[in-house]
Protein backbone atom coordinates (compact mmCIF):
# COMPACT_ATOMS: atom_id res chain seq x y z
CA MET A 1 25.86 -23.92 10.84
CA THR A 2 25.01 -21.58 7.95
CA GLU A 3 24.40 -18.15 8.70
CA GLU A 4 21.22 -16.26 8.41
CA PRO A 5 21.52 -12.66 8.36
CA GLY A 6 18.77 -11.93 10.99
CA ARG A 7 16.71 -8.39 12.59
CA LEU A 8 17.90 -7.35 15.75
CA LEU A 9 17.15 -4.80 18.83
CA VAL A 10 19.84 -3.21 20.51
CA ILE A 11 19.24 -1.60 24.21
CA ASP A 12 22.16 0.25 25.28
CA ASP A 13 21.79 3.83 26.78
CA ASN A 14 25.55 4.08 25.53
CA GLU A 15 25.55 5.63 22.13
CA MET A 16 29.32 4.63 21.51
CA ASN A 17 28.02 0.81 22.77
CA ARG A 18 25.41 1.08 20.67
CA ASP A 19 26.79 2.54 17.50
CA MET A 20 29.47 -0.69 17.76
CA LEU A 21 27.52 -3.03 18.43
CA SER A 22 25.27 -1.67 15.36
CA ARG A 23 28.19 -1.23 12.78
CA ARG A 24 29.87 -5.09 13.98
CA LEU A 25 26.77 -6.48 13.69
CA GLY A 26 25.77 -4.83 10.01
CA ARG A 27 28.89 -5.69 8.53
CA ARG A 28 27.71 -9.73 8.98
CA GLY A 29 24.40 -8.93 7.19
CA HIS A 30 22.70 -8.07 9.98
CA THR A 31 19.46 -5.21 10.07
CA VAL A 32 20.34 -3.41 13.40
CA VAL A 33 17.76 -0.87 15.48
CA PRO A 34 19.15 0.81 18.43
CA ALA A 35 17.48 2.07 20.69
CA GLU A 36 18.86 4.36 23.64
CA SER A 37 16.71 3.36 26.61
CA GLY A 38 14.80 0.45 28.40
CA GLU A 39 11.39 1.79 27.64
CA THR A 40 12.16 3.43 24.19
CA GLY A 41 13.48 -0.28 23.43
CA LEU A 42 9.77 -1.81 24.95
CA GLU A 43 7.83 0.83 22.22
CA THR A 44 9.51 -0.16 19.78
CA LEU A 45 9.13 -4.23 19.77
CA GLN A 46 5.55 -2.77 20.33
CA SER A 47 5.69 -1.75 16.54
CA GLU A 48 8.62 -3.68 14.74
CA ARG A 49 9.27 -7.68 14.67
CA PHE A 50 12.38 -8.41 15.57
CA ASP A 51 14.54 -12.32 15.60
CA LEU A 52 16.94 -11.53 18.53
CA VAL A 53 17.91 -8.46 21.28
CA MET A 54 20.68 -7.07 22.85
CA LEU A 55 19.80 -6.04 25.96
CA ASP A 56 22.08 -4.13 28.73
CA ILE A 57 21.95 -4.65 31.95
CA MET A 58 22.93 -1.48 33.47
CA MET A 59 20.84 1.49 32.07
CA PRO A 60 19.20 4.51 33.69
CA GLY A 61 15.23 4.42 34.11
CA ILE A 62 14.28 1.24 33.68
CA ASP A 63 17.38 -1.23 33.95
CA GLY A 64 18.09 -4.54 31.63
CA PHE A 65 16.74 -6.86 34.02
CA GLU A 66 13.31 -4.95 34.45
CA THR A 67 13.73 -4.28 30.63
CA LEU A 68 13.84 -8.14 30.34
CA ARG A 69 10.78 -9.35 32.94
CA ARG A 70 8.46 -7.00 30.94
CA ILE A 71 9.50 -8.44 27.22
CA ARG A 72 9.34 -12.03 28.75
CA GLU A 73 5.44 -11.05 29.44
CA HIS A 74 5.44 -10.96 25.54
CA HIS A 75 7.59 -13.18 24.27
CA THR A 76 8.99 -16.34 25.22
CA PRO A 77 12.87 -16.96 24.94
CA VAL A 78 12.24 -19.58 21.89
CA GLU A 79 9.84 -16.79 19.94
CA LEU A 80 12.61 -13.77 20.90
CA PRO A 81 15.93 -14.79 22.32
CA VAL A 82 17.73 -12.22 24.23
CA ILE A 83 21.30 -11.93 25.54
CA MET A 84 21.80 -9.87 27.90
CA VAL A 85 25.03 -7.27 28.11
CA THR A 86 26.60 -6.63 31.58
CA ALA A 87 29.84 -4.76 32.47
CA LYS A 88 30.83 -7.38 36.02
CA GLU A 89 32.00 -10.58 35.56
CA GLY A 90 30.60 -11.87 38.38
CA SER A 91 27.94 -14.54 38.48
CA GLU A 92 25.08 -12.98 41.00
CA ASP A 93 24.02 -10.61 37.80
CA ILE A 94 24.55 -13.47 34.95
CA VAL A 95 22.79 -15.77 37.29
CA ARG A 96 19.64 -13.28 37.50
CA ALA A 97 19.88 -12.58 33.91
CA LEU A 98 19.12 -16.14 33.21
CA GLU A 99 16.57 -16.88 35.65
CA ALA A 100 14.91 -14.03 34.86
CA GLY A 101 14.41 -15.92 30.94
CA ALA A 102 18.04 -14.53 28.92
CA ASN A 103 19.28 -17.17 26.33
CA ASP A 104 22.93 -15.98 26.52
CA TYR A 105 25.05 -13.49 27.87
CA VAL A 106 28.32 -11.73 26.99
CA THR A 107 31.05 -8.80 29.04
CA LYS A 108 32.13 -5.85 28.52
CA PRO A 109 34.75 -4.99 27.41
CA LEU A 110 33.12 -6.81 24.25
CA ASP A 111 34.94 -9.86 22.57
CA PHE A 112 33.16 -9.55 18.93
CA PRO A 113 34.00 -12.66 17.50
CA VAL A 114 32.15 -14.19 21.03
CA VAL A 115 29.74 -11.71 20.19
CA LEU A 116 29.24 -12.64 16.74
CA ALA A 117 28.83 -16.36 17.60
CA ARG A 118 26.49 -15.96 20.00
CA VAL A 119 24.18 -14.23 17.97
CA LYS A 120 24.73 -16.65 15.09
CA THR A 121 23.69 -19.41 17.44
CA GLN A 122 20.87 -18.02 18.94
CA LEU A 123 19.44 -17.15 15.65
CA ALA A 124 20.26 -20.87 14.24
CA ILE A 125 17.97 -21.91 17.24
CA LYS A 126 15.05 -19.97 16.56
CA ARG A 127 15.24 -20.55 12.91
CA LEU A 128 15.26 -24.33 13.89
CA SER A 129 11.82 -23.46 16.39
CA ASP A 130 10.57 -21.65 13.70
CA LEU A 131 10.91 -25.10 11.31
CA LYS A 132 9.68 -27.04 13.82
CA ASP A 133 6.32 -24.42 14.34
CA GLN A 134 5.56 -24.08 10.59
CA PHE A 135 5.75 -27.83 9.70
CA PHE A 136 3.12 -28.90 12.60
CA ARG A 137 1.44 -25.48 10.93
CA ILE A 138 1.62 -27.55 7.73
CA ALA A 139 0.79 -30.76 9.27
CA SER A 140 -2.63 -29.66 10.98
CA HIS A 141 -4.00 -27.25 8.03
CA ASP A 142 -2.69 -27.95 4.69
CA LEU A 143 -2.25 -31.43 5.10
CA LYS A 144 -5.38 -32.16 6.89
CA ASN A 145 -7.77 -31.65 4.76
CA PRO A 146 -6.18 -33.77 1.30
CA LEU A 147 -6.06 -36.78 4.56
CA THR A 148 -9.21 -36.74 5.17
CA ALA A 149 -10.42 -36.60 1.63
CA VAL A 150 -8.36 -39.59 1.27
CA LEU A 151 -9.23 -41.58 4.17
CA THR A 152 -12.92 -40.65 2.74
CA GLY A 153 -12.59 -41.96 -0.71
CA ALA A 154 -10.68 -45.04 0.74
CA SER A 155 -13.78 -45.93 3.08
CA LEU A 156 -16.05 -45.87 -0.11
CA PHE A 157 -14.50 -48.04 -1.33
CA PRO A 158 -15.26 -51.98 0.08
CA ARG A 159 -18.71 -50.38 0.24
CA LEU A 160 -19.17 -49.19 -3.65
CA PHE A 161 -17.06 -52.69 -4.59
CA PRO A 162 -17.54 -55.97 -2.34
CA VAL A 163 -15.01 -58.71 -3.48
CA GLY A 164 -15.52 -59.97 -6.71
CA SER A 165 -16.99 -57.05 -8.20
CA THR A 166 -16.50 -54.90 -11.38
CA MET A 167 -14.38 -51.39 -11.12
CA THR A 168 -17.03 -48.65 -11.89
CA GLU A 169 -16.74 -45.51 -13.90
CA LYS A 170 -17.96 -43.97 -10.58
CA GLY A 171 -14.94 -46.00 -8.67
CA GLU A 172 -12.41 -44.77 -11.32
CA ASP A 173 -13.47 -41.21 -10.45
CA VAL A 174 -12.98 -42.20 -6.92
CA ALA A 175 -9.55 -43.72 -6.69
CA ARG A 176 -8.75 -40.56 -9.55
CA ARG A 177 -9.81 -38.29 -6.58
CA ILE A 178 -7.71 -39.70 -3.94
CA HIS A 179 -4.63 -40.29 -6.18
CA ARG A 180 -4.87 -36.18 -6.57
CA ARG A 181 -5.20 -35.33 -3.22
CA ALA A 182 -2.22 -37.91 -2.22
CA ARG A 183 0.10 -36.10 -4.81
CA GLU A 184 -1.29 -33.25 -3.28
CA MET A 185 0.47 -34.28 -0.37
CA GLN A 186 3.21 -35.29 -1.58
CA ARG A 187 4.13 -31.78 -3.01
CA ILE A 188 3.43 -30.10 0.54
CA ILE A 189 5.69 -32.61 1.61
CA GLU A 190 8.72 -32.28 -0.68
CA ASP A 191 8.36 -28.22 -0.73
CA PHE A 192 9.23 -28.39 3.11
CA LEU A 193 11.86 -31.29 2.53
CA ASP A 194 13.67 -29.22 -0.15
CA PHE A 195 12.88 -26.10 1.60
CA GLN A 196 14.97 -27.12 4.96
CA ALA A 197 17.76 -28.86 2.92
CA LEU A 198 18.25 -25.30 0.66
CA GLU A 199 18.19 -23.11 4.15
CA GLY A 200 21.19 -25.63 5.47
CA GLY A 201 22.78 -25.59 2.59
CA GLY A 202 22.37 -29.24 1.70
CA LEU A 203 20.91 -29.41 -1.77
CA GLU A 204 23.42 -30.18 -4.05
CA LEU A 205 23.18 -29.66 -8.44
CA HIS A 206 23.81 -31.81 -11.02
CA ILE A 207 25.40 -29.92 -13.50
CA GLU A 208 24.74 -31.28 -17.62
CA PRO A 209 23.41 -29.77 -20.60
CA THR A 210 19.72 -29.57 -20.36
CA ASP A 211 17.70 -29.37 -23.30
CA LEU A 212 14.90 -26.70 -22.27
CA GLY A 213 12.69 -27.64 -25.25
CA GLU A 214 12.20 -31.40 -24.31
CA LEU A 215 12.29 -30.56 -20.59
CA LEU A 216 9.15 -27.93 -20.83
CA LYS A 217 7.16 -29.97 -23.39
CA GLU A 218 7.26 -32.98 -20.74
CA VAL A 219 5.96 -30.68 -18.02
CA VAL A 220 3.23 -29.21 -19.94
CA GLU A 221 1.98 -32.79 -21.06
CA SER A 222 2.14 -34.20 -17.46
CA ASN A 223 -0.27 -31.31 -16.79
CA ARG A 224 -2.55 -31.72 -19.30
CA ASP A 225 -4.77 -33.38 -17.18
CA TYR A 226 -5.07 -31.44 -14.21
CA ALA A 227 -5.47 -28.32 -16.92
CA GLU A 228 -8.14 -30.44 -18.93
CA LYS A 229 -10.29 -30.85 -15.53
CA LYS A 230 -10.64 -26.89 -14.93
CA ARG A 231 -11.03 -26.68 -19.52
CA ILE A 232 -7.50 -24.78 -19.66
CA GLU A 233 -5.67 -25.56 -22.73
CA VAL A 234 -2.08 -24.97 -21.74
CA THR A 235 0.27 -24.33 -25.33
CA PHE A 236 3.64 -24.45 -25.95
CA GLU A 237 5.86 -24.35 -28.70
CA PRO A 238 9.17 -24.97 -28.33
CA PRO A 239 12.17 -22.90 -30.92
CA SER A 240 13.97 -25.04 -33.16
CA ASP A 241 17.12 -23.25 -31.80
CA LEU A 242 16.92 -23.25 -28.08
CA PRO A 243 20.63 -23.88 -27.05
CA ARG A 244 21.53 -26.47 -24.36
CA ALA A 245 21.80 -24.57 -20.99
CA PRO A 246 24.29 -26.04 -18.03
CA ALA A 247 21.25 -27.41 -15.67
CA ASP A 248 20.62 -29.54 -13.24
CA ARG A 249 17.71 -30.86 -14.89
CA ASP A 250 15.58 -32.73 -12.10
CA ARG A 251 15.35 -28.95 -10.45
CA LEU A 252 14.49 -27.13 -12.98
CA VAL A 253 11.58 -29.35 -13.91
CA GLN A 254 10.48 -29.20 -10.17
CA VAL A 255 11.26 -24.97 -11.16
CA ALA A 256 9.03 -25.57 -14.63
CA GLN A 257 6.36 -27.69 -12.52
CA ASN A 258 5.72 -25.04 -9.74
CA LEU A 259 4.93 -22.25 -12.28
CA VAL A 260 3.32 -24.05 -14.65
CA GLY A 261 1.02 -25.78 -12.34
CA ASN A 262 0.33 -22.37 -10.43
CA ALA A 263 -0.81 -20.89 -13.80
CA ILE A 264 -3.64 -23.73 -13.87
CA LYS A 265 -4.01 -23.89 -10.06
CA PHE A 266 -5.00 -19.57 -10.01
CA SER A 267 -6.57 -19.52 -13.64
CA PRO A 268 -10.44 -19.63 -13.90
CA PRO A 269 -11.95 -22.69 -15.95
CA GLY A 270 -11.28 -21.88 -19.65
CA ALA A 271 -8.23 -19.36 -19.58
CA PRO A 272 -5.54 -20.13 -21.94
CA VAL A 273 -2.23 -20.64 -20.50
CA ARG A 274 0.90 -20.46 -22.42
CA VAL A 275 4.63 -21.66 -21.88
CA ALA A 276 7.16 -19.96 -24.38
CA ALA A 277 11.08 -20.06 -24.76
CA SER A 278 13.45 -18.08 -26.04
CA THR A 279 17.21 -16.78 -26.15
CA GLN A 280 17.72 -13.26 -24.97
CA ASP A 281 21.16 -12.06 -24.94
CA GLY A 282 23.44 -15.19 -23.50
CA ALA A 283 20.47 -16.61 -21.88
CA VAL A 284 17.64 -18.64 -22.28
CA ALA A 285 14.65 -17.05 -21.12
CA VAL A 286 11.23 -19.43 -20.32
CA GLU A 287 8.00 -17.88 -19.58
CA VAL A 288 4.60 -18.90 -18.06
CA ILE A 289 1.86 -16.84 -19.26
CA ASP A 290 -2.11 -16.97 -17.81
CA ASN A 291 -5.17 -15.11 -18.60
CA GLY A 292 -5.66 -14.86 -14.31
CA PRO A 293 -6.40 -12.07 -12.50
CA GLY A 294 -3.33 -10.69 -12.49
CA LEU A 295 -0.83 -9.51 -9.32
CA THR A 296 -1.47 -6.74 -6.94
CA ASP A 297 1.73 -4.09 -5.77
CA ASP A 298 1.42 -6.40 -2.47
CA ASP A 299 1.35 -9.69 -4.55
CA LEU A 300 4.33 -8.75 -6.49
CA ASP A 301 6.07 -6.85 -3.24
CA LYS A 302 5.83 -10.52 -1.13
CA LEU A 303 6.34 -13.17 -4.31
CA PHE A 304 8.88 -15.57 -3.55
CA GLN A 305 9.09 -15.12 0.03
CA ARG A 306 8.42 -17.84 2.06
CA TYR A 307 4.93 -18.54 3.60
CA SER A 308 3.45 -15.85 1.42
CA ARG A 309 0.34 -15.66 1.04
CA LEU A 310 -0.69 -13.84 -2.15
CA SER A 311 -4.15 -12.58 -3.08
CA ASN A 312 -5.55 -14.30 -5.46
CA LYS A 313 -6.46 -17.91 -4.74
CA PRO A 314 -6.97 -21.36 -5.87
CA THR A 315 -9.92 -21.60 -8.57
CA GLY A 316 -10.67 -25.44 -7.84
CA GLY A 317 -9.96 -24.92 -3.59
CA GLU A 318 -6.63 -26.41 -4.40
CA LYS A 319 -3.85 -26.50 -1.15
CA SER A 320 -0.27 -25.71 -1.32
CA SER A 321 2.72 -25.33 1.36
CA GLY A 322 3.60 -21.22 0.54
CA LEU A 323 7.15 -22.73 -0.18
CA GLY A 324 6.43 -23.65 -3.85
CA LEU A 325 7.86 -19.89 -5.15
CA SER A 326 10.89 -19.52 -2.38
CA ILE A 327 12.06 -22.47 -3.34
CA CYS A 328 12.12 -21.68 -7.61
CA LYS A 329 13.89 -18.71 -6.57
CA GLN A 330 16.69 -20.36 -4.64
CA LEU A 331 17.15 -23.03 -7.32
CA ILE A 332 17.52 -20.77 -9.67
CA ASP A 333 19.80 -18.33 -8.02
CA LEU A 334 21.71 -21.06 -7.41
CA HIS A 335 22.11 -21.99 -11.19
CA GLY A 336 23.17 -18.38 -11.27
CA GLY A 337 20.18 -17.39 -13.10
CA GLN A 338 17.02 -14.70 -12.41
CA ILE A 339 13.53 -15.37 -11.48
CA GLY A 340 9.93 -13.09 -12.01
CA ALA A 341 7.05 -11.75 -12.53
CA ARG A 342 4.69 -9.14 -14.18
CA ASN A 343 1.71 -8.08 -15.03
CA ASN A 344 0.67 -8.54 -18.74
CA GLU A 345 -0.84 -5.37 -20.84
CA GLY A 346 -4.24 -7.52 -21.59
CA GLY A 347 -4.82 -8.90 -17.97
CA GLY A 348 -3.47 -12.10 -16.44
CA ALA A 349 0.19 -12.40 -15.62
CA THR A 350 3.53 -13.65 -16.56
CA PHE A 351 6.55 -15.40 -14.61
CA TRP A 352 10.01 -15.83 -16.04
CA PHE A 353 13.32 -17.45 -15.49
CA ARG A 354 16.53 -16.75 -17.27
CA LEU A 355 19.50 -19.00 -17.06
CA PRO A 356 22.88 -18.51 -18.26
CA VAL A 357 24.13 -20.63 -21.78
CA ASP A 358 27.85 -20.11 -21.37
């Protein structure tokens, strides 16, 4: 089970206990927000998002049981796990807390390896539930529209082309639309599965010397038809001195396809897209330069985050999983490289990545 840092709320009236939990959990990469009472903790929950709550039972004012009851009025145990902290070894308080909706408990004096293990387990369970919810969202929204288009197109064929009839230009156009929307669904599903593999640490790279110039030529050519439908010209002139880079070729194709595809997707009809590659300070740099609307400051803050939705909308009504750029970042990170974006002075944006050559 891999560990991913979470945002934790620690509610305890004892300052020493709050500080100790904050320090120990912070060392594992978690962001910890302390609250000195149940009232303060509940107010904090109204204004901020958390992945887990550590909640002391014995507190003045409203105690841990009442605080837990109020938390459960707004958050299910799956949405917001709560681990109760009790000074009593007896089963009565523990049973009462679990029946009231606590996910787990730890006893004082705290055994920190046990605390860390239980926090890790609850965060992992929450993230599995989040993945399930995200998949249902994708299935119900992002896949529903293209699937409807595929089914509609397929239903036309028996009426347009009875058995023995000749395929017409209209039929070819319907077939192309079916293929395009089916490929759209395939990309969304592939993104989700790759994201799960990356999050779980189950994706391995197969590194070999890779000709990025040839790779980029293939990616540009594979997007030619898509670009032409939007009257967009995609150009790439590979430099003759571009060195080979140690990389997983298939995964770099995935990154390049995403960046080039996005440039086409978000560019207005007729706006050119240029792909460039060069050697910079012992690394190979790749840039995808578009002439679209560019990126806002808010966009730049959210780039490469999972399920982030930017201000710009696809100019041809295309769909996406919202995971593509997040996957690109994780793949480039696995290669020991860097990835980023910037606005161009004359308009549009440039997405880039760099890979070490040595």
